[in-house]
Amino acid sequence: MANLSSVIRHIVIGLARRVGSKVTDAETGRVLGRAFLIPWKGRIAVIGLDAEVKPVFLPQPRLTFWKQELGFTEHPPADFPHEASPQPPPDAPEK
């Protein structure tokens, strides 16, 4: 069962990278790749994109609240260490 789901996942991601919408960075204009963009229950699913992105509101010439345009920009890297394996503090007594 897990093997079948991974095969379907690879097919969908490959299809998204070939025929999905072109995603460009709203700040730099650089093309990030192709992906399926699916709005679902107030969230946006980005399927098939390798980059980590975050949605941003695009500037508009006229202020309208009923139709805001969204763009994507690359998420900046974390500025704190990854703590998957907790390390004792440097001043902790050894056991």
Protein backbone atom coordinates (compact mmCIF):
# COMPACT_ATOMS: atom_id res chain seq x y z
CA MET A 1 0.00 0.00 0.00
CA ALA A 2 2.82 2.43 0.85
CA ASN A 3 4.56 1.60 -2.41
CA LEU A 4 1.45 2.43 -4.45
CA SER A 5 0.99 5.76 -2.68
CA SER A 6 4.63 6.72 -3.29
CA VAL A 7 4.25 5.88 -7.01
CA ILE A 8 1.12 8.05 -7.23
CA ARG A 9 2.91 10.84 -5.35
CA HIS A 10 5.85 10.78 -7.80
CA ILE A 11 3.46 10.85 -10.78
CA VAL A 12 1.51 13.83 -9.40
CA ILE A 13 4.67 15.78 -8.53
CA GLY A 14 6.17 15.05 -11.95
CA LEU A 15 2.97 16.19 -13.64
CA ALA A 16 2.92 19.37 -11.54
CA ARG A 17 6.50 20.18 -12.53
CA ARG A 18 5.68 19.76 -16.23
CA VAL A 19 2.24 21.37 -16.66
CA GLY A 20 1.68 23.32 -13.44
CA SER A 21 1.55 27.10 -13.09
CA LYS A 22 4.85 28.95 -13.32
CA VAL A 23 5.74 30.37 -9.89
CA THR A 24 7.96 33.47 -9.81
CA ASP A 25 9.42 35.27 -6.82
CA ALA A 26 7.39 38.45 -6.25
CA GLU A 27 10.40 40.39 -4.91
CA THR A 28 13.15 39.38 -7.35
CA GLY A 29 11.22 38.17 -10.39
CA ARG A 30 13.23 34.93 -10.48
CA VAL A 31 11.39 31.82 -11.66
CA LEU A 32 11.11 29.34 -8.77
CA GLY A 33 9.60 26.50 -10.79
CA ARG A 34 6.25 25.02 -11.72
CA ALA A 35 3.61 23.75 -9.32
CA PHE A 36 -0.08 23.14 -8.79
CA LEU A 37 -1.61 25.90 -6.63
CA ILE A 38 -4.74 24.61 -4.90
CA PRO A 39 -6.75 26.87 -2.55
CA TRP A 40 -8.46 24.73 0.09
CA LYS A 41 -10.25 25.86 3.27
CA GLY A 42 -8.41 29.17 3.55
CA ARG A 43 -5.01 27.67 2.78
CA ILE A 44 -2.98 27.41 -0.40
CA ALA A 45 -1.43 24.03 -1.22
CA VAL A 46 1.68 24.33 -3.40
CA ILE A 47 2.31 20.91 -4.92
CA GLY A 48 5.47 20.12 -6.87
CA LEU A 49 7.69 23.07 -5.95
CA ASP A 50 11.19 22.45 -4.58
CA ALA A 51 11.62 25.89 -2.99
CA GLU A 52 10.06 26.88 0.32
CA VAL A 53 7.76 29.82 -0.38
CA LYS A 54 5.47 32.10 1.57
CA PRO A 55 2.52 34.07 0.18
CA VAL A 56 2.72 37.87 0.04
CA PHE A 57 0.24 40.53 -1.04
CA LEU A 58 1.25 42.24 -4.27
CA PRO A 59 1.11 46.04 -4.56
CA GLN A 60 -1.88 47.32 -6.50
CA PRO A 61 -2.50 50.69 -8.17
CA ARG A 62 -5.96 50.95 -6.63
CA LEU A 63 -6.85 49.92 -3.09
CA THR A 64 -9.52 47.22 -3.21
CA PHE A 65 -10.26 44.86 -0.36
CA TRP A 66 -12.44 42.38 -2.21
CA LYS A 67 -9.77 41.28 -4.68
CA GLN A 68 -6.25 41.13 -3.32
CA GLU A 69 -3.54 39.73 -5.58
CA LEU A 70 -1.21 37.18 -4.05
CA GLY A 71 2.34 36.37 -5.02
CA PHE A 72 5.00 34.12 -3.59
CA THR A 73 8.49 34.80 -2.31
CA GLU A 74 11.17 32.47 -1.06
CA HIS A 75 11.08 31.83 2.66
CA PRO A 76 14.31 33.07 4.29
CA PRO A 77 16.48 30.45 5.97
CA ALA A 78 16.07 29.99 9.71
CA ASP A 79 18.31 32.15 11.89
CA PHE A 80 18.40 29.65 14.74
CA PRO A 81 19.95 26.17 14.98
CA HIS A 82 17.99 23.04 14.16
CA GLU A 83 17.22 21.24 17.42
CA ALA A 84 16.04 17.82 16.33
CA SER A 85 18.48 16.19 18.73
CA PRO A 86 18.53 18.26 21.92
CA GLN A 87 21.98 19.26 23.09
CA PRO A 88 22.68 19.99 26.76
CA PRO A 89 23.57 23.60 27.51
CA PRO A 90 27.35 24.25 27.62
CA ASP A 91 27.26 25.08 31.34
CA ALA A 92 25.25 22.00 32.37
CA PRO A 93 26.96 19.59 34.80
CA GLU A 94 27.99 16.29 33.25
CA LYS A 95 26.30 13.14 34.49
